[in-house]
Amino acid sequence: MSNQSFERVINSKPEAHQPSGNISLDPENAEHGLAQLVMTVVELLRQLVEQQAIRRVEGGTLTEEQEEQLGVALMNLEEKMEELKDVFGLTEEDLNIDLGPLGNLL
């Protein structure tokens, strides 16, 4: 890099950050975004609980009655999640946050 180029870079003013999209100050959108975030976290936890339940069932550590209760509880939770997604107008894809290099959350 020549001295002139170097001086030009040093003396240049930093460009103002330009947001990539419009910022909406509409409270309706803020509620929707918060609902989406909360529902994403709840769905993640639901899937983790479901995986743990499957491990316990496969491991034989539960009685038949406990397995039945667990199955009913998980089905009820999944139904409630579907209801809440409908209430907030969310889809399964809306709950799958892109974590960049880590991949999708769900």
PDB file of N, CA and C in Angstrom:
ATOM      1  N   MET A   1       0.855  -1.167   0.000  1.00  0.00           N
ATOM      2  CA  MET A   1       0.000   0.000   0.000  1.00  0.00           C
ATOM      3  C   MET A   1       0.899   1.227   0.000  1.00  0.00           C
ATOM      4  N   SER A   2       0.625   2.154  -0.892  1.00  0.00           N
ATOM      5  CA  SER A   2       1.441   3.370  -0.962  1.00  0.00           C
ATOM      6  C   SER A   2       1.079   4.299   0.186  1.00  0.00           C
ATOM      7  N   ASN A   3       1.958   5.280   0.436  1.00  0.00           N
ATOM      8  CA  ASN A   3       1.699   6.251   1.495  1.00  0.00           C
ATOM      9  C   ASN A   3       0.411   7.014   1.246  1.00  0.00           C
ATOM     10  N   GLN A   4       0.158   7.354  -0.021  1.00  0.00           N
ATOM     11  CA  GLN A   4      -1.070   8.090  -0.353  1.00  0.00           C
ATOM     12  C   GLN A   4      -2.303   7.264  -0.010  1.00  0.00           C
ATOM     13  N   SER A   5      -2.292   6.002  -0.379  1.00  0.00           N
ATOM     14  CA  SER A   5      -3.431   5.122  -0.094  1.00  0.00           C
ATOM     15  C   SER A   5      -3.612   4.963   1.404  1.00  0.00           C
ATOM     16  N   PHE A   6      -2.501   4.788   2.100  1.00  0.00           N
ATOM     17  CA  PHE A   6      -2.545   4.627   3.543  1.00  0.00           C
ATOM     18  C   PHE A   6      -3.135   5.869   4.202  1.00  0.00           C
ATOM     19  N   GLU A   7      -2.673   7.057   3.791  1.00  0.00           N
ATOM     20  CA  GLU A   7      -3.178   8.309   4.351  1.00  0.00           C
ATOM     21  C   GLU A   7      -4.665   8.481   4.059  1.00  0.00           C
ATOM     22  N   ARG A   8      -5.078   8.091   2.871  1.00  0.00           N
ATOM     23  CA  ARG A   8      -6.487   8.215   2.503  1.00  0.00           C
ATOM     24  C   ARG A   8      -7.357   7.341   3.419  1.00  0.00           C
ATOM     25  N   VAL A   9      -6.884   6.134   3.720  1.00  0.00           N
ATOM     26  CA  VAL A   9      -7.626   5.232   4.604  1.00  0.00           C
ATOM     27  C   VAL A   9      -7.663   5.789   6.016  1.00  0.00           C
ATOM     28  N   ILE A  10      -6.528   6.281   6.501  1.00  0.00           N
ATOM     29  CA  ILE A  10      -6.441   6.814   7.859  1.00  0.00           C
ATOM     30  C   ILE A  10      -7.316   8.050   8.020  1.00  0.00           C
ATOM     31  N   ASN A  11      -7.311   8.917   7.038  1.00  0.00           N
ATOM     32  CA  ASN A  11      -8.028  10.185   7.144  1.00  0.00           C
ATOM     33  C   ASN A  11      -9.496  10.107   6.727  1.00  0.00           C
ATOM     34  N   SER A  12      -9.910   8.987   6.208  1.00  0.00           N
ATOM     35  CA  SER A  12     -11.309   8.894   5.772  1.00  0.00           C
ATOM     36  C   SER A  12     -12.227   8.779   6.980  1.00  0.00           C
ATOM     37  N   LYS A  13     -13.426   9.293   6.819  1.00  0.00           N
ATOM     38  CA  LYS A  13     -14.424   9.214   7.878  1.00  0.00           C
ATOM     39  C   LYS A  13     -15.104   7.851   7.795  1.00  0.00           C
ATOM     40  N   PRO A  14     -15.371   7.268   8.939  1.00  0.00           N
ATOM     41  CA  PRO A  14     -16.070   5.981   8.892  1.00  0.00           C
ATOM     42  C   PRO A  14     -17.475   6.183   8.326  1.00  0.00           C
ATOM     43  N   GLU A  15     -17.886   5.227   7.518  1.00  0.00           N
ATOM     44  CA  GLU A  15     -19.228   5.307   6.952  1.00  0.00           C
ATOM     45  C   GLU A  15     -20.233   4.968   8.031  1.00  0.00           C
ATOM     46  N   ALA A  16     -21.316   5.687   8.005  1.00  0.00           N
ATOM     47  CA  ALA A  16     -22.381   5.412   8.969  1.00  0.00           C
ATOM     48  C   ALA A  16     -22.993   4.056   8.651  1.00  0.00           C
ATOM     49  N   HIS A  17     -23.318   3.329   9.685  1.00  0.00           N
ATOM     50  CA  HIS A  17     -23.946   2.016   9.503  1.00  0.00           C
ATOM     51  C   HIS A  17     -25.355   2.213   8.968  1.00  0.00           C
ATOM     52  N   GLN A  18     -25.630   1.576   7.873  1.00  0.00           N
ATOM     53  CA  GLN A  18     -26.959   1.639   7.280  1.00  0.00           C
ATOM     54  C   GLN A  18     -27.675   0.324   7.552  1.00  0.00           C
ATOM     55  N   PRO A  19     -28.799   0.367   8.247  1.00  0.00           N
ATOM     56  CA  PRO A  19     -29.520  -0.881   8.496  1.00  0.00           C
ATOM     57  C   PRO A  19     -29.966  -1.508   7.184  1.00  0.00           C
ATOM     58  N   SER A  20     -29.965  -2.826   7.162  1.00  0.00           N
ATOM     59  CA  SER A  20     -30.303  -3.535   5.931  1.00  0.00           C
ATOM     60  C   SER A  20     -31.793  -3.521   5.631  1.00  0.00           C
ATOM     61  N   GLY A  21     -32.624  -3.317   6.619  1.00  0.00           N
ATOM     62  CA  GLY A  21     -34.069  -3.325   6.399  1.00  0.00           C
ATOM     63  C   GLY A  21     -34.727  -2.193   7.139  1.00  0.00           C
ATOM     64  N   ASN A  22     -36.003  -2.084   6.967  1.00  0.00           N
ATOM     65  CA  ASN A  22     -36.749  -1.045   7.667  1.00  0.00           C
ATOM     66  C   ASN A  22     -36.986  -1.463   9.104  1.00  0.00           C
ATOM     67  N   ILE A  23     -36.943  -0.503   9.976  1.00  0.00           N
ATOM     68  CA  ILE A  23     -37.243  -0.758  11.377  1.00  0.00           C
ATOM     69  C   ILE A  23     -38.687  -0.359  11.606  1.00  0.00           C
ATOM     70  N   SER A  24     -39.448  -1.306  12.100  1.00  0.00           N
ATOM     71  CA  SER A  24     -40.857  -1.035  12.351  1.00  0.00           C
ATOM     72  C   SER A  24     -41.047  -0.734  13.827  1.00  0.00           C
ATOM     73  N   LEU A  25     -41.670   0.376  14.103  1.00  0.00           N
ATOM     74  CA  LEU A  25     -41.940   0.747  15.489  1.00  0.00           C
ATOM     75  C   LEU A  25     -43.354   0.365  15.906  1.00  0.00           C
ATOM     76  N   ASP A  26     -44.014  -0.393  15.078  1.00  0.00           N
ATOM     77  CA  ASP A  26     -45.377  -0.829  15.334  1.00  0.00           C
ATOM     78  C   ASP A  26     -45.381  -1.828  16.493  1.00  0.00           C
ATOM     79  N   PRO A  27     -46.120  -1.535  17.571  1.00  0.00           N
ATOM     80  CA  PRO A  27     -46.158  -2.452  18.716  1.00  0.00           C
ATOM     81  C   PRO A  27     -46.643  -3.853  18.338  1.00  0.00           C
ATOM     82  N   GLU A  28     -47.493  -3.955  17.336  1.00  0.00           N
ATOM     83  CA  GLU A  28     -47.985  -5.264  16.883  1.00  0.00           C
ATOM     84  C   GLU A  28     -46.823  -6.141  16.423  1.00  0.00           C
ATOM     85  N   ASN A  29     -45.890  -5.556  15.681  1.00  0.00           N
ATOM     86  CA  ASN A  29     -44.739  -6.325  15.208  1.00  0.00           C
ATOM     87  C   ASN A  29     -43.803  -6.696  16.352  1.00  0.00           C
ATOM     88  N   ALA A  30     -43.682  -5.820  17.334  1.00  0.00           N
ATOM     89  CA  ALA A  30     -42.832  -6.121  18.484  1.00  0.00           C
ATOM     90  C   ALA A  30     -43.403  -7.312  19.252  1.00  0.00           C
ATOM     91  N   GLU A  31     -44.713  -7.325  19.424  1.00  0.00           N
ATOM     92  CA  GLU A  31     -45.359  -8.448  20.101  1.00  0.00           C
ATOM     93  C   GLU A  31     -45.144  -9.738  19.324  1.00  0.00           C
ATOM     94  N   HIS A  32     -45.281  -9.650  18.009  1.00  0.00           N
ATOM     95  CA  HIS A  32     -45.115 -10.836  17.167  1.00  0.00           C
ATOM     96  C   HIS A  32     -43.687 -11.359  17.267  1.00  0.00           C
ATOM     97  N   GLY A  33     -42.705 -10.469  17.242  1.00  0.00           N
ATOM     98  CA  GLY A  33     -41.308 -10.881  17.352  1.00  0.00           C
ATOM     99  C   GLY A  33     -41.009 -11.527  18.693  1.00  0.00           C
ATOM    100  N   LEU A  34     -41.563 -10.957  19.751  1.00  0.00           N
ATOM    101  CA  LEU A  34     -41.369 -11.531  21.081  1.00  0.00           C
ATOM    102  C   LEU A  34     -42.042 -12.895  21.178  1.00  0.00           C
ATOM    103  N   ALA A  35     -43.249 -12.991  20.642  1.00  0.00           N
ATOM    104  CA  ALA A  35     -43.953 -14.276  20.641  1.00  0.00           C
ATOM    105  C   ALA A  35     -43.148 -15.322  19.876  1.00  0.00           C
ATOM    106  N   GLN A  36     -42.577 -14.920  18.755  1.00  0.00           N
ATOM    107  CA  GLN A  36     -41.772 -15.843  17.951  1.00  0.00           C
ATOM    108  C   GLN A  36     -40.559 -16.327  18.740  1.00  0.00           C
ATOM    109  N   LEU A  37     -39.888 -15.413  19.422  1.00  0.00           N
ATOM    110  CA  LEU A  37     -38.713 -15.780  20.210  1.00  0.00           C
ATOM    111  C   LEU A  37     -39.088 -16.729  21.351  1.00  0.00           C
ATOM    112  N   VAL A  38     -40.134 -16.390  22.090  1.00  0.00           N
ATOM    113  CA  VAL A  38     -40.562 -17.223  23.217  1.00  0.00           C
ATOM    114  C   VAL A  38     -40.997 -18.601  22.730  1.00  0.00           C
ATOM    115  N   MET A  39     -41.766 -18.627  21.648  1.00  0.00           N
ATOM    116  CA  MET A  39     -42.227 -19.906  21.106  1.00  0.00           C
ATOM    117  C   MET A  39     -41.047 -20.752  20.614  1.00  0.00           C
ATOM    118  N   THR A  40     -40.027 -20.112  20.069  1.00  0.00           N
ATOM    119  CA  THR A  40     -38.843 -20.844  19.612  1.00  0.00           C
ATOM    120  C   THR A  40     -38.143 -21.506  20.791  1.00  0.00           C
ATOM    121  N   VAL A  41     -37.984 -20.769  21.880  1.00  0.00           N
ATOM    122  CA  VAL A  41     -37.328 -21.323  23.069  1.00  0.00           C
ATOM    123  C   VAL A  41     -38.161 -22.468  23.648  1.00  0.00           C
ATOM    124  N   VAL A  42     -39.477 -22.277  23.718  1.00  0.00           N
ATOM    125  CA  VAL A  42     -40.355 -23.325  24.247  1.00  0.00           C
ATOM    126  C   VAL A  42     -40.295 -24.571  23.358  1.00  0.00           C
ATOM    127  N   GLU A  43     -40.295 -24.381  22.044  1.00  0.00           N
ATOM    128  CA  GLU A  43     -40.212 -25.527  21.127  1.00  0.00           C
ATOM    129  C   GLU A  43     -38.883 -26.257  21.285  1.00  0.00           C
ATOM    130  N   LEU A  44     -37.813 -25.520  21.452  1.00  0.00           N
ATOM    131  CA  LEU A  44     -36.511 -26.149  21.680  1.00  0.00           C
ATOM    132  C   LEU A  44     -36.547 -26.992  22.957  1.00  0.00           C
ATOM    133  N   LEU A  45     -37.083 -26.428  24.033  1.00  0.00           N
ATOM    134  CA  LEU A  45     -37.179 -27.163  25.294  1.00  0.00           C
ATOM    135  C   LEU A  45     -38.085 -28.383  25.156  1.00  0.00           C
ATOM    136  N   ARG A  46     -39.187 -28.238  24.420  1.00  0.00           N
ATOM    137  CA  ARG A  46     -40.108 -29.359  24.209  1.00  0.00           C
ATOM    138  C   ARG A  46     -39.393 -30.505  23.503  1.00  0.00           C
ATOM    139  N   GLN A  47     -38.605 -30.173  22.491  1.00  0.00           N
ATOM    140  CA  GLN A  47     -37.879 -31.208  21.760  1.00  0.00           C
ATOM    141  C   GLN A  47     -36.816 -31.876  22.633  1.00  0.00           C
ATOM    142  N   LEU A  48     -36.158 -31.090  23.479  1.00  0.00           N
ATOM    143  CA  LEU A  48     -35.162 -31.668  24.391  1.00  0.00           C
ATOM    144  C   LEU A  48     -35.818 -32.613  25.396  1.00  0.00           C
ATOM    145  N   VAL A  49     -36.972 -32.206  25.940  1.00  0.00           N
ATOM    146  CA  VAL A  49     -37.702 -33.056  26.884  1.00  0.00           C
ATOM    147  C   VAL A  49     -38.153 -34.335  26.188  1.00  0.00           C
ATOM    148  N   GLU A  50     -38.621 -34.199  24.960  1.00  0.00           N
ATOM    149  CA  GLU A  50     -39.063 -35.368  24.193  1.00  0.00           C
ATOM    150  C   GLU A  50     -37.899 -36.341  23.970  1.00  0.00           C
ATOM    151  N   GLN A  51     -36.737 -35.820  23.623  1.00  0.00           N
ATOM    152  CA  GLN A  51     -35.567 -36.685  23.419  1.00  0.00           C
ATOM    153  C   GLN A  51     -35.163 -37.390  24.714  1.00  0.00           C
ATOM    154  N   GLN A  52     -35.221 -36.660  25.817  1.00  0.00           N
ATOM    155  CA  GLN A  52     -34.884 -37.263  27.111  1.00  0.00           C
ATOM    156  C   GLN A  52     -35.905 -38.338  27.470  1.00  0.00           C
ATOM    157  N   ALA A  53     -37.169 -38.087  27.185  1.00  0.00           N
ATOM    158  CA  ALA A  53     -38.214 -39.072  27.466  1.00  0.00           C
ATOM    159  C   ALA A  53     -37.983 -40.344  26.653  1.00  0.00           C
ATOM    160  N   ILE A  54     -37.623 -40.184  25.397  1.00  0.00           N
ATOM    161  CA  ILE A  54     -37.349 -41.351  24.546  1.00  0.00           C
ATOM    162  C   ILE A  54     -36.184 -42.156  25.117  1.00  0.00           C
ATOM    163  N   ARG A  55     -35.142 -41.468  25.574  1.00  0.00           N
ATOM    164  CA  ARG A  55     -34.001 -42.167  26.179  1.00  0.00           C
ATOM    165  C   ARG A  55     -34.424 -42.966  27.414  1.00  0.00           C
ATOM    166  N   ARG A  56     -35.279 -42.357  28.224  1.00  0.00           N
ATOM    167  CA  ARG A  56     -35.718 -43.039  29.447  1.00  0.00           C
ATOM    168  C   ARG A  56     -36.589 -44.245  29.123  1.00  0.00           C
ATOM    169  N   VAL A  57     -37.464 -44.093  28.120  1.00  0.00           N
ATOM    170  CA  VAL A  57     -38.313 -45.218  27.721  1.00  0.00           C
ATOM    171  C   VAL A  57     -37.441 -46.344  27.165  1.00  0.00           C
ATOM    172  N   GLU A  58     -36.517 -45.991  26.280  1.00  0.00           N
ATOM    173  CA  GLU A  58     -35.629 -47.002  25.694  1.00  0.00           C
ATOM    174  C   GLU A  58     -34.710 -47.623  26.741  1.00  0.00           C
ATOM    175  N   GLY A  59     -34.384 -46.862  27.772  1.00  0.00           N
ATOM    176  CA  GLY A  59     -33.517 -47.371  28.834  1.00  0.00           C
ATOM    177  C   GLY A  59     -34.242 -48.264  29.821  1.00  0.00           C
ATOM    178  N   GLY A  60     -35.562 -48.298  29.737  1.00  0.00           N
ATOM    179  CA  GLY A  60     -36.339 -49.162  30.616  1.00  0.00           C
ATOM    180  C   GLY A  60     -36.423 -48.679  32.046  1.00  0.00           C
ATOM    181  N   THR A  61     -36.239 -47.383  32.278  1.00  0.00           N
ATOM    182  CA  THR A  61     -36.256 -46.868  33.652  1.00  0.00           C
ATOM    183  C   THR A  61     -37.637 -46.412  34.101  1.00  0.00           C
ATOM    184  N   LEU A  62     -38.632 -46.512  33.219  1.00  0.00           N
ATOM    185  CA  LEU A  62     -39.976 -46.064  33.561  1.00  0.00           C
ATOM    186  C   LEU A  62     -40.934 -47.251  33.625  1.00  0.00           C
ATOM    187  N   THR A  63     -41.925 -47.122  34.496  1.00  0.00           N
ATOM    188  CA  THR A  63     -42.979 -48.131  34.517  1.00  0.00           C
ATOM    189  C   THR A  63     -43.890 -47.897  33.312  1.00  0.00           C
ATOM    190  N   GLU A  64     -44.734 -48.871  33.035  1.00  0.00           N
ATOM    191  CA  GLU A  64     -45.666 -48.740  31.919  1.00  0.00           C
ATOM    192  C   GLU A  64     -46.596 -47.539  32.127  1.00  0.00           C
ATOM    193  N   GLU A  65     -47.025 -47.349  33.366  1.00  0.00           N
ATOM    194  CA  GLU A  65     -47.908 -46.220  33.685  1.00  0.00           C
ATOM    195  C   GLU A  65     -47.185 -44.885  33.471  1.00  0.00           C
ATOM    196  N   GLN A  66     -45.935 -44.805  33.887  1.00  0.00           N
ATOM    197  CA  GLN A  66     -45.155 -43.585  33.685  1.00  0.00           C
ATOM    198  C   GLN A  66     -44.941 -43.304  32.198  1.00  0.00           C
ATOM    199  N   GLU A  67     -44.696 -44.355  31.429  1.00  0.00           N
ATOM    200  CA  GLU A  67     -44.540 -44.182  29.985  1.00  0.00           C
ATOM    201  C   GLU A  67     -45.816 -43.616  29.370  1.00  0.00           C
ATOM    202  N   GLU A  68     -46.959 -44.143  29.805  1.00  0.00           N
ATOM    203  CA  GLU A  68     -48.249 -43.669  29.288  1.00  0.00           C
ATOM    204  C   GLU A  68     -48.472 -42.202  29.666  1.00  0.00           C
ATOM    205  N   GLN A  69     -48.213 -41.862  30.917  1.00  0.00           N
ATOM    206  CA  GLN A  69     -48.381 -40.480  31.370  1.00  0.00           C
ATOM    207  C   GLN A  69     -47.457 -39.539  30.606  1.00  0.00           C
ATOM    208  N   LEU A  70     -46.248 -39.950  30.400  1.00  0.00           N
ATOM    209  CA  LEU A  70     -45.276 -39.143  29.670  1.00  0.00           C
ATOM    210  C   LEU A  70     -45.724 -38.933  28.230  1.00  0.00           C
ATOM    211  N   GLY A  71     -46.200 -39.989  27.605  1.00  0.00           N
ATOM    212  CA  GLY A  71     -46.688 -39.889  26.228  1.00  0.00           C
ATOM    213  C   GLY A  71     -47.851 -38.923  26.106  1.00  0.00           C
ATOM    214  N   VAL A  72     -48.789 -39.009  27.035  1.00  0.00           N
ATOM    215  CA  VAL A  72     -49.954 -38.113  27.022  1.00  0.00           C
ATOM    216  C   VAL A  72     -49.513 -36.671  27.253  1.00  0.00           C
ATOM    217  N   ALA A  73     -48.609 -36.465  28.197  1.00  0.00           N
ATOM    218  CA  ALA A  73     -48.128 -35.109  28.487  1.00  0.00           C
ATOM    219  C   ALA A  73     -47.428 -34.505  27.271  1.00  0.00           C
ATOM    220  N   LEU A  74     -46.610 -35.292  26.592  1.00  0.00           N
ATOM    221  CA  LEU A  74     -45.906 -34.786  25.407  1.00  0.00           C
ATOM    222  C   LEU A  74     -46.873 -34.489  24.261  1.00  0.00           C
ATOM    223  N   MET A  75     -47.883 -35.335  24.094  1.00  0.00           N
ATOM    224  CA  MET A  75     -48.884 -35.074  23.049  1.00  0.00           C
ATOM    225  C   MET A  75     -49.661 -33.799  23.356  1.00  0.00           C
ATOM    226  N   ASN A  76     -50.042 -33.621  24.628  1.00  0.00           N
ATOM    227  CA  ASN A  76     -50.767 -32.408  25.020  1.00  0.00           C
ATOM    228  C   ASN A  76     -49.923 -31.160  24.793  1.00  0.00           C
ATOM    229  N   LEU A  77     -48.651 -31.244  25.126  1.00  0.00           N
ATOM    230  CA  LEU A  77     -47.751 -30.109  24.934  1.00  0.00           C
ATOM    231  C   LEU A  77     -47.611 -29.776  23.453  1.00  0.00           C
ATOM    232  N   GLU A  78     -47.495 -30.796  22.619  1.00  0.00           N
ATOM    233  CA  GLU A  78     -47.385 -30.562  21.181  1.00  0.00           C
ATOM    234  C   GLU A  78     -48.667 -29.924  20.630  1.00  0.00           C
ATOM    235  N   GLU A  79     -49.826 -30.395  21.102  1.00  0.00           N
ATOM    236  CA  GLU A  79     -51.101 -29.797  20.680  1.00  0.00           C
ATOM    237  C   GLU A  79     -51.182 -28.331  21.096  1.00  0.00           C
ATOM    238  N   LYS A  80     -50.760 -28.034  22.314  1.00  0.00           N
ATOM    239  CA  LYS A  80     -50.792 -26.654  22.806  1.00  0.00           C
ATOM    240  C   LYS A  80     -49.857 -25.772  21.984  1.00  0.00           C
ATOM    241  N   MET A  81     -48.705 -26.296  21.618  1.00  0.00           N
ATOM    242  CA  MET A  81     -47.773 -25.536  20.776  1.00  0.00           C
ATOM    243  C   MET A  81     -48.416 -25.214  19.431  1.00  0.00           C
ATOM    244  N   GLU A  82     -49.128 -26.173  18.853  1.00  0.00           N
ATOM    245  CA  GLU A  82     -49.810 -25.938  17.577  1.00  0.00           C
ATOM    246  C   GLU A  82     -50.869 -24.850  17.732  1.00  0.00           C
ATOM    247  N   GLU A  83     -51.622 -24.896  18.832  1.00  0.00           N
ATOM    248  CA  GLU A  83     -52.636 -23.868  19.097  1.00  0.00           C
ATOM    249  C   GLU A  83     -51.990 -22.490  19.196  1.00  0.00           C
ATOM    250  N   LEU A  84     -50.902 -22.401  19.948  1.00  0.00           N
ATOM    251  CA  LEU A  84     -50.232 -21.113  20.135  1.00  0.00           C
ATOM    252  C   LEU A  84     -49.626 -20.597  18.834  1.00  0.00           C
ATOM    253  N   LYS A  85     -49.094 -21.497  18.012  1.00  0.00           N
ATOM    254  CA  LYS A  85     -48.573 -21.068  16.707  1.00  0.00           C
ATOM    255  C   LYS A  85     -49.698 -20.477  15.870  1.00  0.00           C
ATOM    256  N   ASP A  86     -50.883 -21.088  15.938  1.00  0.00           N
ATOM    257  CA  ASP A  86     -52.036 -20.547  15.207  1.00  0.00           C
ATOM    258  C   ASP A  86     -52.432 -19.176  15.743  1.00  0.00           C
ATOM    259  N   VAL A  87     -52.454 -19.037  17.064  1.00  0.00           N
ATOM    260  CA  VAL A  87     -52.835 -17.764  17.687  1.00  0.00           C
ATOM    261  C   VAL A  87     -51.908 -16.641  17.231  1.00  0.00           C
ATOM    262  N   PHE A  88     -50.618 -16.915  17.178  1.00  0.00           N
ATOM    263  CA  PHE A  88     -49.641 -15.888  16.820  1.00  0.00           C
ATOM    264  C   PHE A  88     -49.297 -15.876  15.335  1.00  0.00           C
ATOM    265  N   GLY A  89     -49.945 -16.732  14.565  1.00  0.00           N
ATOM    266  CA  GLY A  89     -49.704 -16.754  13.123  1.00  0.00           C
ATOM    267  C   GLY A  89     -48.302 -17.209  12.762  1.00  0.00           C
ATOM    268  N   LEU A  90     -47.782 -18.169  13.510  1.00  0.00           N
ATOM    269  CA  LEU A  90     -46.424 -18.666  13.283  1.00  0.00           C
ATOM    270  C   LEU A  90     -46.462 -20.046  12.636  1.00  0.00           C
ATOM    271  N   THR A  91     -45.428 -20.341  11.876  1.00  0.00           N
ATOM    272  CA  THR A  91     -45.274 -21.667  11.290  1.00  0.00           C
ATOM    273  C   THR A  91     -44.068 -22.341  11.927  1.00  0.00           C
ATOM    274  N   GLU A  92     -43.892 -23.604  11.621  1.00  0.00           N
ATOM    275  CA  GLU A  92     -42.727 -24.336  12.130  1.00  0.00           C
ATOM    276  C   GLU A  92     -41.436 -23.668  11.664  1.00  0.00           C
ATOM    277  N   GLU A  93     -41.443 -23.171  10.424  1.00  0.00           N
ATOM    278  CA  GLU A  93     -40.258 -22.507   9.871  1.00  0.00           C
ATOM    279  C   GLU A  93     -39.934 -21.219  10.629  1.00  0.00           C
ATOM    280  N   ASP A  94     -40.974 -20.531  11.126  1.00  0.00           N
ATOM    281  CA  ASP A  94     -40.753 -19.297  11.884  1.00  0.00           C
ATOM    282  C   ASP A  94     -39.987 -19.557  13.175  1.00  0.00           C
ATOM    283  N   LEU A  95     -40.110 -20.767  13.698  1.00  0.00           N
ATOM    284  CA  LEU A  95     -39.460 -21.100  14.965  1.00  0.00           C
ATOM    285  C   LEU A  95     -38.047 -21.633  14.770  1.00  0.00           C
ATOM    286  N   ASN A  96     -37.635 -21.806  13.546  1.00  0.00           N
ATOM    287  CA  ASN A  96     -36.324 -22.367  13.250  1.00  0.00           C
ATOM    288  C   ASN A  96     -35.341 -21.243  12.942  1.00  0.00           C
ATOM    289  N   ILE A  97     -34.718 -20.707  13.976  1.00  0.00           N
ATOM    290  CA  ILE A  97     -33.808 -19.574  13.845  1.00  0.00           C
ATOM    291  C   ILE A  97     -32.482 -20.030  13.235  1.00  0.00           C
ATOM    292  N   ASP A  98     -31.975 -19.251  12.297  1.00  0.00           N
ATOM    293  CA  ASP A  98     -30.680 -19.525  11.664  1.00  0.00           C
ATOM    294  C   ASP A  98     -29.575 -18.990  12.568  1.00  0.00           C
ATOM    295  N   LEU A  99     -28.708 -19.879  13.016  1.00  0.00           N
ATOM    296  CA  LEU A  99     -27.613 -19.502  13.909  1.00  0.00           C
ATOM    297  C   LEU A  99     -26.304 -19.309  13.161  1.00  0.00           C
ATOM    298  N   GLY A 100     -26.403 -19.012  11.887  1.00  0.00           N
ATOM    299  CA  GLY A 100     -25.211 -18.762  11.078  1.00  0.00           C
ATOM    300  C   GLY A 100     -24.382 -20.013  10.910  1.00  0.00           C
ATOM    301  N   PRO A 101     -23.097 -19.939  11.294  1.00  0.00           N
ATOM    302  CA  PRO A 101     -22.212 -21.087  11.073  1.00  0.00           C
ATOM    303  C   PRO A 101     -22.609 -22.328  11.876  1.00  0.00           C
ATOM    304  N   LEU A 102     -23.417 -22.147  12.916  1.00  0.00           N
ATOM    305  CA  LEU A 102     -23.853 -23.292  13.718  1.00  0.00           C
ATOM    306  C   LEU A 102     -25.008 -24.039  13.072  1.00  0.00           C
ATOM    307  N   GLY A 103     -25.639 -23.427  12.090  1.00  0.00           N
ATOM    308  CA  GLY A 103     -26.785 -24.054  11.426  1.00  0.00           C
ATOM    309  C   GLY A 103     -28.092 -23.582  12.029  1.00  0.00           C
ATOM    310  N   ASN A 104     -29.144 -24.273  11.692  1.00  0.00           N
ATOM    311  CA  ASN A 104     -30.466 -23.919  12.203  1.00  0.00           C
ATOM    312  C   ASN A 104     -30.646 -24.429  13.622  1.00  0.00           C
ATOM    313  N   LEU A 105     -31.438 -23.707  14.394  1.00  0.00           N
ATOM    314  CA  LEU A 105     -31.658 -24.053  15.792  1.00  0.00           C
ATOM    315  C   LEU A 105     -32.398 -25.372  15.933  1.00  0.00           C
ATOM    316  N   LEU A 106     -33.451 -25.544  15.159  1.00  0.00           N
ATOM    317  CA  LEU A 106     -34.285 -26.745  15.297  1.00  0.00           C
ATOM    318  C   LEU A 106     -34.125 -27.675  14.126  1.00  0.00           C
TER     319      LEU A 106
END
